[in-house]
Amino acid sequence: MKRPENISEKAQLISGIGASSWFTIKQENEAYRIERFSPDGELECSRLFDTTPSNFDVKQPFEFTYLSHCKECTIIQNGLTYKFYANEY
């Protein structure tokens, strides 16, 4: 799938049977801002998340994976699975 122009080069695509989504993450103080975009680049949600375990390093390689949506995201880094939970509703 072609990346829409308004989506960061660092965004990752999670392909789905029903719908695919682009995800971005950046650190904001002790939390992480995760944004989800539709396949054509529409912002679907932008929230702050906390993670467990807490040693995730946004500067190291990682991969968004299932289950990821606007309230919970899953990222794999260095063989560890990190669960991110929205801390704002």
PDB file of N, CA and C in Angstrom:
ATOM      1  N   MET A   1       0.844  -1.181   0.000  1.00  0.00           N
ATOM      2  CA  MET A   1       0.000   0.000   0.000  1.00  0.00           C
ATOM      3  C   MET A   1       0.889   1.243   0.000  1.00  0.00           C
ATOM      4  N   LYS A   2       0.526   2.189  -0.840  1.00  0.00           N
ATOM      5  CA  LYS A   2       1.309   3.418  -0.945  1.00  0.00           C
ATOM      6  C   LYS A   2       1.030   4.323   0.258  1.00  0.00           C
ATOM      7  N   ARG A   3       2.104   4.875   0.817  1.00  0.00           N
ATOM      8  CA  ARG A   3       2.008   5.782   1.964  1.00  0.00           C
ATOM      9  C   ARG A   3       1.477   7.142   1.504  1.00  0.00           C
ATOM     10  N   PRO A   4       0.376   7.620   2.105  1.00  0.00           N
ATOM     11  CA  PRO A   4      -0.114   8.967   1.776  1.00  0.00           C
ATOM     12  C   PRO A   4       0.942  10.016   2.133  1.00  0.00           C
ATOM     13  N   GLU A   5       0.943  11.129   1.407  1.00  0.00           N
ATOM     14  CA  GLU A   5       1.969  12.157   1.576  1.00  0.00           C
ATOM     15  C   GLU A   5       2.001  12.759   2.975  1.00  0.00           C
ATOM     16  N   ASN A   6       0.859  12.822   3.666  1.00  0.00           N
ATOM     17  CA  ASN A   6       0.816  13.470   4.977  1.00  0.00           C
ATOM     18  C   ASN A   6       1.250  12.549   6.117  1.00  0.00           C
ATOM     19  N   ILE A   7       1.622  11.324   5.817  1.00  0.00           N
ATOM     20  CA  ILE A   7       2.011  10.372   6.861  1.00  0.00           C
ATOM     21  C   ILE A   7       3.531  10.265   6.919  1.00  0.00           C
ATOM     22  N   SER A   8       4.055  10.334   8.128  1.00  0.00           N
ATOM     23  CA  SER A   8       5.496  10.295   8.375  1.00  0.00           C
ATOM     24  C   SER A   8       6.152   9.073   7.735  1.00  0.00           C
ATOM     25  N   GLU A   9       7.399   9.257   7.291  1.00  0.00           N
ATOM     26  CA  GLU A   9       8.189   8.142   6.758  1.00  0.00           C
ATOM     27  C   GLU A   9       8.417   7.066   7.814  1.00  0.00           C
ATOM     28  N   LYS A  10       8.316   7.442   9.090  1.00  0.00           N
ATOM     29  CA  LYS A  10       8.523   6.494  10.184  1.00  0.00           C
ATOM     30  C   LYS A  10       7.267   5.705  10.523  1.00  0.00           C
ATOM     31  N   ALA A  11       6.130   6.072   9.926  1.00  0.00           N
ATOM     32  CA  ALA A  11       4.870   5.376  10.201  1.00  0.00           C
ATOM     33  C   ALA A  11       4.962   3.922   9.742  1.00  0.00           C
ATOM     34  N   GLN A  12       4.268   3.060  10.478  1.00  0.00           N
ATOM     35  CA  GLN A  12       4.228   1.643  10.128  1.00  0.00           C
ATOM     36  C   GLN A  12       2.798   1.252   9.788  1.00  0.00           C
ATOM     37  N   LEU A  13       2.666   0.420   8.768  1.00  0.00           N
ATOM     38  CA  LEU A  13       1.365  -0.046   8.325  1.00  0.00           C
ATOM     39  C   LEU A  13       1.075  -1.411   8.930  1.00  0.00           C
ATOM     40  N   ILE A  14      -0.089  -1.536   9.548  1.00  0.00           N
ATOM     41  CA  ILE A  14      -0.585  -2.846   9.961  1.00  0.00           C
ATOM     42  C   ILE A  14      -1.706  -3.181   8.990  1.00  0.00           C
ATOM     43  N   SER A  15      -1.498  -4.225   8.195  1.00  0.00           N
ATOM     44  CA  SER A  15      -2.495  -4.626   7.212  1.00  0.00           C
ATOM     45  C   SER A  15      -3.536  -5.510   7.866  1.00  0.00           C
ATOM     46  N   GLY A  16      -4.784  -5.280   7.497  1.00  0.00           N
ATOM     47  CA  GLY A  16      -5.867  -6.071   8.041  1.00  0.00           C
ATOM     48  C   GLY A  16      -6.783  -6.561   6.946  1.00  0.00           C
ATOM     49  N   ILE A  17      -7.588  -7.556   7.281  1.00  0.00           N
ATOM     50  CA  ILE A  17      -8.538  -8.100   6.316  1.00  0.00           C
ATOM     51  C   ILE A  17      -9.621  -7.060   6.044  1.00  0.00           C
ATOM     52  N   GLY A  18     -10.172  -6.475   7.109  1.00  0.00           N
ATOM     53  CA  GLY A  18     -11.224  -5.474   6.952  1.00  0.00           C
ATOM     54  C   GLY A  18     -10.666  -4.106   6.633  1.00  0.00           C
ATOM     55  N   ALA A  19      -9.686  -3.678   7.404  1.00  0.00           N
ATOM     56  CA  ALA A  19      -9.111  -2.343   7.214  1.00  0.00           C
ATOM     57  C   ALA A  19      -7.667  -2.352   7.691  1.00  0.00           C
ATOM     58  N   SER A  20      -6.860  -1.565   7.035  1.00  0.00           N
ATOM     59  CA  SER A  20      -5.461  -1.398   7.426  1.00  0.00           C
ATOM     60  C   SER A  20      -5.314  -0.031   8.069  1.00  0.00           C
ATOM     61  N   SER A  21      -4.267   0.140   8.880  1.00  0.00           N
ATOM     62  CA  SER A  21      -4.027   1.422   9.538  1.00  0.00           C
ATOM     63  C   SER A  21      -2.538   1.701   9.608  1.00  0.00           C
ATOM     64  N   TRP A  22      -2.211   2.986   9.530  1.00  0.00           N
ATOM     65  CA  TRP A  22      -0.846   3.465   9.736  1.00  0.00           C
ATOM     66  C   TRP A  22      -0.716   3.906  11.190  1.00  0.00           C
ATOM     67  N   PHE A  23       0.428   3.611  11.818  1.00  0.00           N
ATOM     68  CA  PHE A  23       0.671   3.993  13.209  1.00  0.00           C
ATOM     69  C   PHE A  23       1.990   4.741  13.321  1.00  0.00           C
ATOM     70  N   THR A  24       1.984   5.793  14.158  1.00  0.00           N
ATOM     71  CA  THR A  24       3.210   6.505  14.508  1.00  0.00           C
ATOM     72  C   THR A  24       3.292   6.581  16.028  1.00  0.00           C
ATOM     73  N   ILE A  25       4.512   6.732  16.529  1.00  0.00           N
ATOM     74  CA  ILE A  25       4.715   6.869  17.972  1.00  0.00           C
ATOM     75  C   ILE A  25       5.846   7.859  18.212  1.00  0.00           C
ATOM     76  N   LYS A  26       5.687   8.687  19.260  1.00  0.00           N
ATOM     77  CA  LYS A  26       6.769   9.564  19.696  1.00  0.00           C
ATOM     78  C   LYS A  26       6.633   9.740  21.207  1.00  0.00           C
ATOM     79  N   GLN A  27       7.755   9.954  21.844  1.00  0.00           N
ATOM     80  CA  GLN A  27       7.752  10.112  23.293  1.00  0.00           C
ATOM     81  C   GLN A  27       7.369  11.540  23.661  1.00  0.00           C
ATOM     82  N   GLU A  28       6.511  11.667  24.679  1.00  0.00           N
ATOM     83  CA  GLU A  28       6.136  12.957  25.248  1.00  0.00           C
ATOM     84  C   GLU A  28       6.253  12.831  26.762  1.00  0.00           C
ATOM     85  N   ASN A  29       7.332  13.366  27.298  1.00  0.00           N
ATOM     86  CA  ASN A  29       7.646  13.237  28.722  1.00  0.00           C
ATOM     87  C   ASN A  29       7.727  11.758  29.088  1.00  0.00           C
ATOM     88  N   GLU A  30       6.924  11.298  30.040  1.00  0.00           N
ATOM     89  CA  GLU A  30       6.979   9.898  30.458  1.00  0.00           C
ATOM     90  C   GLU A  30       6.014   9.017  29.670  1.00  0.00           C
ATOM     91  N   ALA A  31       5.232   9.608  28.786  1.00  0.00           N
ATOM     92  CA  ALA A  31       4.228   8.862  28.015  1.00  0.00           C
ATOM     93  C   ALA A  31       4.620   8.834  26.538  1.00  0.00           C
ATOM     94  N   TYR A  32       3.795   8.188  25.731  1.00  0.00           N
ATOM     95  CA  TYR A  32       4.037   8.080  24.294  1.00  0.00           C
ATOM     96  C   TYR A  32       2.786   8.520  23.541  1.00  0.00           C
ATOM     97  N   ARG A  33       2.972   9.363  22.535  1.00  0.00           N
ATOM     98  CA  ARG A  33       1.879   9.799  21.674  1.00  0.00           C
ATOM     99  C   ARG A  33       1.808   8.804  20.505  1.00  0.00           C
ATOM    100  N   ILE A  34       0.705   8.087  20.418  1.00  0.00           N
ATOM    101  CA  ILE A  34       0.480   7.175  19.303  1.00  0.00           C
ATOM    102  C   ILE A  34      -0.662   7.737  18.471  1.00  0.00           C
ATOM    103  N   GLU A  35      -0.423   7.784  17.169  1.00  0.00           N
ATOM    104  CA  GLU A  35      -1.448   8.250  16.248  1.00  0.00           C
ATOM    105  C   GLU A  35      -1.754   7.139  15.255  1.00  0.00           C
ATOM    106  N   ARG A  36      -3.043   6.996  14.962  1.00  0.00           N
ATOM    107  CA  ARG A  36      -3.476   6.007  13.972  1.00  0.00           C
ATOM    108  C   ARG A  36      -4.143   6.746  12.814  1.00  0.00           C
ATOM    109  N   PHE A  37      -3.772   6.365  11.600  1.00  0.00           N
ATOM    110  CA  PHE A  37      -4.290   6.962  10.385  1.00  0.00           C
ATOM    111  C   PHE A  37      -4.947   5.895   9.517  1.00  0.00           C
ATOM    112  N   SER A  38      -5.979   6.302   8.787  1.00  0.00           N
ATOM    113  CA  SER A  38      -6.618   5.407   7.827  1.00  0.00           C
ATOM    114  C   SER A  38      -5.662   5.156   6.665  1.00  0.00           C
ATOM    115  N   PRO A  39      -5.962   4.170   5.817  1.00  0.00           N
ATOM    116  CA  PRO A  39      -5.090   3.903   4.661  1.00  0.00           C
ATOM    117  C   PRO A  39      -4.896   5.118   3.764  1.00  0.00           C
ATOM    118  N   ASP A  40      -5.915   6.020   3.692  1.00  0.00           N
ATOM    119  CA  ASP A  40      -5.743   7.202   2.848  1.00  0.00           C
ATOM    120  C   ASP A  40      -5.249   8.429   3.594  1.00  0.00           C
ATOM    121  N   GLY A  41      -4.814   8.259   4.851  1.00  0.00           N
ATOM    122  CA  GLY A  41      -4.133   9.338   5.558  1.00  0.00           C
ATOM    123  C   GLY A  41      -4.962  10.165   6.508  1.00  0.00           C
ATOM    124  N   GLU A  42      -6.214   9.773   6.760  1.00  0.00           N
ATOM    125  CA  GLU A  42      -7.036  10.515   7.721  1.00  0.00           C
ATOM    126  C   GLU A  42      -6.656  10.129   9.145  1.00  0.00           C
ATOM    127  N   LEU A  43      -6.452  11.135   9.999  1.00  0.00           N
ATOM    128  CA  LEU A  43      -6.155  10.879  11.408  1.00  0.00           C
ATOM    129  C   LEU A  43      -7.396  10.287  12.076  1.00  0.00           C
ATOM    130  N   GLU A  44      -7.256   9.086  12.638  1.00  0.00           N
ATOM    131  CA  GLU A  44      -8.374   8.417  13.302  1.00  0.00           C
ATOM    132  C   GLU A  44      -8.326   8.614  14.812  1.00  0.00           C
ATOM    133  N   CYS A  45      -7.128   8.691  15.368  1.00  0.00           N
ATOM    134  CA  CYS A  45      -6.995   8.994  16.793  1.00  0.00           C
ATOM    135  C   CYS A  45      -5.555   9.392  17.095  1.00  0.00           C
ATOM    136  N   SER A  46      -5.418  10.174  18.165  1.00  0.00           N
ATOM    137  CA  SER A  46      -4.124  10.637  18.656  1.00  0.00           C
ATOM    138  C   SER A  46      -4.245  10.709  20.164  1.00  0.00           C
ATOM    139  N   ARG A  47      -3.554   9.798  20.862  1.00  0.00           N
ATOM    140  CA  ARG A  47      -3.687   9.718  22.319  1.00  0.00           C
ATOM    141  C   ARG A  47      -2.334   9.485  22.966  1.00  0.00           C
ATOM    142  N   LEU A  48      -2.293   9.809  24.266  1.00  0.00           N
ATOM    143  CA  LEU A  48      -1.123   9.482  25.074  1.00  0.00           C
ATOM    144  C   LEU A  48      -1.312   8.090  25.662  1.00  0.00           C
ATOM    145  N   PHE A  49      -0.218   7.319  25.658  1.00  0.00           N
ATOM    146  CA  PHE A  49      -0.232   5.945  26.146  1.00  0.00           C
ATOM    147  C   PHE A  49       0.875   5.741  27.169  1.00  0.00           C
ATOM    148  N   ASP A  50       0.616   4.846  28.116  1.00  0.00           N
ATOM    149  CA  ASP A  50       1.640   4.330  29.021  1.00  0.00           C
ATOM    150  C   ASP A  50       1.938   2.908  28.584  1.00  0.00           C
ATOM    151  N   THR A  51       3.128   2.399  28.939  1.00  0.00           N
ATOM    152  CA  THR A  51       3.496   1.055  28.499  1.00  0.00           C
ATOM    153  C   THR A  51       3.992   0.180  29.636  1.00  0.00           C
ATOM    154  N   THR A  52       3.804  -1.108  29.448  1.00  0.00           N
ATOM    155  CA  THR A  52       4.418  -2.115  30.311  1.00  0.00           C
ATOM    156  C   THR A  52       5.010  -3.187  29.409  1.00  0.00           C
ATOM    157  N   PRO A  53       6.241  -3.642  29.673  1.00  0.00           N
ATOM    158  CA  PRO A  53       7.147  -3.050  30.656  1.00  0.00           C
ATOM    159  C   PRO A  53       7.535  -1.626  30.266  1.00  0.00           C
ATOM    160  N   SER A  54       8.139  -0.919  31.200  1.00  0.00           N
ATOM    161  CA  SER A  54       8.379   0.516  31.015  1.00  0.00           C
ATOM    162  C   SER A  54       9.718   0.845  30.350  1.00  0.00           C
ATOM    163  N   ASN A  55      10.472  -0.163  29.898  1.00  0.00           N
ATOM    164  CA  ASN A  55      11.799   0.106  29.332  1.00  0.00           C
ATOM    165  C   ASN A  55      11.800   0.193  27.809  1.00  0.00           C
ATOM    166  N   PHE A  56      10.648   0.469  27.186  1.00  0.00           N
ATOM    167  CA  PHE A  56      10.593   0.652  25.737  1.00  0.00           C
ATOM    168  C   PHE A  56      11.462   1.845  25.350  1.00  0.00           C
ATOM    169  N   ASP A  57      12.210   1.714  24.241  1.00  0.00           N
ATOM    170  CA  ASP A  57      13.090   2.778  23.761  1.00  0.00           C
ATOM    171  C   ASP A  57      12.663   3.168  22.345  1.00  0.00           C
ATOM    172  N   VAL A  58      11.994   4.299  22.225  1.00  0.00           N
ATOM    173  CA  VAL A  58      11.451   4.745  20.941  1.00  0.00           C
ATOM    174  C   VAL A  58      12.550   4.972  19.902  1.00  0.00           C
ATOM    175  N   LYS A  59      13.806   5.084  20.344  1.00  0.00           N
ATOM    176  CA  LYS A  59      14.922   5.330  19.424  1.00  0.00           C
ATOM    177  C   LYS A  59      15.481   4.037  18.822  1.00  0.00           C
ATOM    178  N   GLN A  60      15.061   2.893  19.335  1.00  0.00           N
ATOM    179  CA  GLN A  60      15.525   1.599  18.837  1.00  0.00           C
ATOM    180  C   GLN A  60      14.484   1.016  17.879  1.00  0.00           C
ATOM    181  N   PRO A  61      14.897   0.090  16.989  1.00  0.00           N
ATOM    182  CA  PRO A  61      13.937  -0.507  16.057  1.00  0.00           C
ATOM    183  C   PRO A  61      12.795  -1.216  16.798  1.00  0.00           C
ATOM    184  N   PHE A  62      11.606  -1.139  16.228  1.00  0.00           N
ATOM    185  CA  PHE A  62      10.422  -1.770  16.817  1.00  0.00           C
ATOM    186  C   PHE A  62       9.420  -2.037  15.709  1.00  0.00           C
ATOM    187  N   GLU A  63       8.400  -2.826  16.042  1.00  0.00           N
ATOM    188  CA  GLU A  63       7.362  -3.141  15.068  1.00  0.00           C
ATOM    189  C   GLU A  63       5.990  -3.137  15.733  1.00  0.00           C
ATOM    190  N   PHE A  64       5.072  -2.319  15.203  1.00  0.00           N
ATOM    191  CA  PHE A  64       3.674  -2.382  15.631  1.00  0.00           C
ATOM    192  C   PHE A  64       3.106  -3.716  15.170  1.00  0.00           C
ATOM    193  N   THR A  65       2.265  -4.331  15.991  1.00  0.00           N
ATOM    194  CA  THR A  65       1.643  -5.588  15.624  1.00  0.00           C
ATOM    195  C   THR A  65       0.230  -5.635  16.188  1.00  0.00           C
ATOM    196  N   TYR A  66      -0.449  -6.736  15.947  1.00  0.00           N
ATOM    197  CA  TYR A  66      -1.806  -6.914  16.480  1.00  0.00           C
ATOM    198  C   TYR A  66      -1.720  -7.176  17.978  1.00  0.00           C
ATOM    199  N   LEU A  67      -2.542  -6.794  18.720  1.00  0.00           N
ATOM    200  CA  LEU A  67      -3.723  -6.000  18.634  1.00  0.00           C
ATOM    201  C   LEU A  67      -3.336  -4.539  18.842  1.00  0.00           C
ATOM    202  N   SER A  68      -3.686  -3.703  17.885  1.00  0.00           N
ATOM    203  CA  SER A  68      -3.395  -2.274  18.006  1.00  0.00           C
ATOM    204  C   SER A  68      -4.600  -1.483  17.519  1.00  0.00           C
ATOM    205  N   HIS A  69      -5.073  -0.575  18.382  1.00  0.00           N
ATOM    206  CA  HIS A  69      -6.190   0.300  18.035  1.00  0.00           C
ATOM    207  C   HIS A  69      -6.088   1.564  18.882  1.00  0.00           C
ATOM    208  N   CYS A  70      -7.164   2.326  19.030  1.00  0.00           N
ATOM    209  CA  CYS A  70      -7.084   3.638  19.675  1.00  0.00           C
ATOM    210  C   CYS A  70      -6.999   3.588  21.197  1.00  0.00           C
ATOM    211  N   LYS A  71      -7.212   2.450  21.811  1.00  0.00           N
ATOM    212  CA  LYS A  71      -7.126   2.350  23.270  1.00  0.00           C
ATOM    213  C   LYS A  71      -5.988   1.465  23.743  1.00  0.00           C
ATOM    214  N   GLU A  72      -5.489   0.620  22.857  1.00  0.00           N
ATOM    215  CA  GLU A  72      -4.427  -0.318  23.214  1.00  0.00           C
ATOM    216  C   GLU A  72      -3.592  -0.610  21.979  1.00  0.00           C
ATOM    217  N   CYS A  73      -2.266  -0.621  22.139  1.00  0.00           N
ATOM    218  CA  CYS A  73      -1.378  -0.951  21.031  1.00  0.00           C
ATOM    219  C   CYS A  73      -0.346  -1.965  21.502  1.00  0.00           C
ATOM    220  N   THR A  74       0.143  -2.753  20.557  1.00  0.00           N
ATOM    221  CA  THR A  74       1.149  -3.764  20.839  1.00  0.00           C
ATOM    222  C   THR A  74       2.350  -3.504  19.946  1.00  0.00           C
ATOM    223  N   ILE A  75       3.524  -3.465  20.566  1.00  0.00           N
ATOM    224  CA  ILE A  75       4.774  -3.247  19.836  1.00  0.00           C
ATOM    225  C   ILE A  75       5.779  -4.299  20.279  1.00  0.00           C
ATOM    226  N   ILE A  76       6.517  -4.836  19.309  1.00  0.00           N
ATOM    227  CA  ILE A  76       7.584  -5.795  19.603  1.00  0.00           C
ATOM    228  C   ILE A  76       8.916  -5.089  19.384  1.00  0.00           C
ATOM    229  N   GLN A  77       9.796  -5.215  20.387  1.00  0.00           N
ATOM    230  CA  GLN A  77      11.135  -4.616  20.300  1.00  0.00           C
ATOM    231  C   GLN A  77      12.107  -5.549  20.998  1.00  0.00           C
ATOM    232  N   ASN A  78      13.175  -5.912  20.305  1.00  0.00           N
ATOM    233  CA  ASN A  78      14.208  -6.799  20.861  1.00  0.00           C
ATOM    234  C   ASN A  78      13.615  -8.078  21.439  1.00  0.00           C
ATOM    235  N   GLY A  79      12.610  -8.640  20.757  1.00  0.00           N
ATOM    236  CA  GLY A  79      12.005  -9.892  21.199  1.00  0.00           C
ATOM    237  C   GLY A  79      11.025  -9.752  22.349  1.00  0.00           C
ATOM    238  N   LEU A  80      10.827  -8.533  22.856  1.00  0.00           N
ATOM    239  CA  LEU A  80       9.875  -8.305  23.946  1.00  0.00           C
ATOM    240  C   LEU A  80       8.590  -7.698  23.394  1.00  0.00           C
ATOM    241  N   THR A  81       7.465  -8.061  23.993  1.00  0.00           N
ATOM    242  CA  THR A  81       6.178  -7.495  23.609  1.00  0.00           C
ATOM    243  C   THR A  81       5.791  -6.420  24.610  1.00  0.00           C
ATOM    244  N   TYR A  82       5.543  -5.232  24.098  1.00  0.00           N
ATOM    245  CA  TYR A  82       5.146  -4.091  24.926  1.00  0.00           C
ATOM    246  C   TYR A  82       3.679  -3.793  24.678  1.00  0.00           C
ATOM    247  N   LYS A  83       2.926  -3.644  25.744  1.00  0.00           N
ATOM    248  CA  LYS A  83       1.523  -3.272  25.647  1.00  0.00           C
ATOM    249  C   LYS A  83       1.406  -1.802  26.033  1.00  0.00           C
ATOM    250  N   PHE A  84       0.779  -1.029  25.175  1.00  0.00           N
ATOM    251  CA  PHE A  84       0.552   0.395  25.404  1.00  0.00           C
ATOM    252  C   PHE A  84      -0.939   0.600  25.651  1.00  0.00           C
ATOM    253  N   TYR A  85      -1.261   1.303  26.743  1.00  0.00           N
ATOM    254  CA  TYR A  85      -2.648   1.540  27.110  1.00  0.00           C
ATOM    255  C   TYR A  85      -2.902   3.041  27.161  1.00  0.00           C
ATOM    256  N   ALA A  86      -3.990   3.473  26.524  1.00  0.00           N
ATOM    257  CA  ALA A  86      -4.332   4.898  26.500  1.00  0.00           C
ATOM    258  C   ALA A  86      -4.556   5.389  27.918  1.00  0.00           C
ATOM    259  N   ASN A  87      -3.961   6.532  28.243  1.00  0.00           N
ATOM    260  CA  ASN A  87      -4.142   7.107  29.591  1.00  0.00           C
ATOM    261  C   ASN A  87      -5.017   8.343  29.556  1.00  0.00           C
ATOM    262  N   GLU A  88      -5.677   8.575  28.407  1.00  0.00           N
ATOM    263  CA  GLU A  88      -6.633   9.690  28.291  1.00  0.00           C
ATOM    264  C   GLU A  88      -7.798   9.203  27.447  1.00  0.00           C
ATOM    265  N   TYR A  89      -8.979   9.647  27.768  1.00  0.00           N
ATOM    266  CA  TYR A  89     -10.165   9.150  27.049  1.00  0.00           C
ATOM    267  C   TYR A  89     -11.013  10.285  26.567  1.00  0.00           C
TER     268      TYR A  89
END
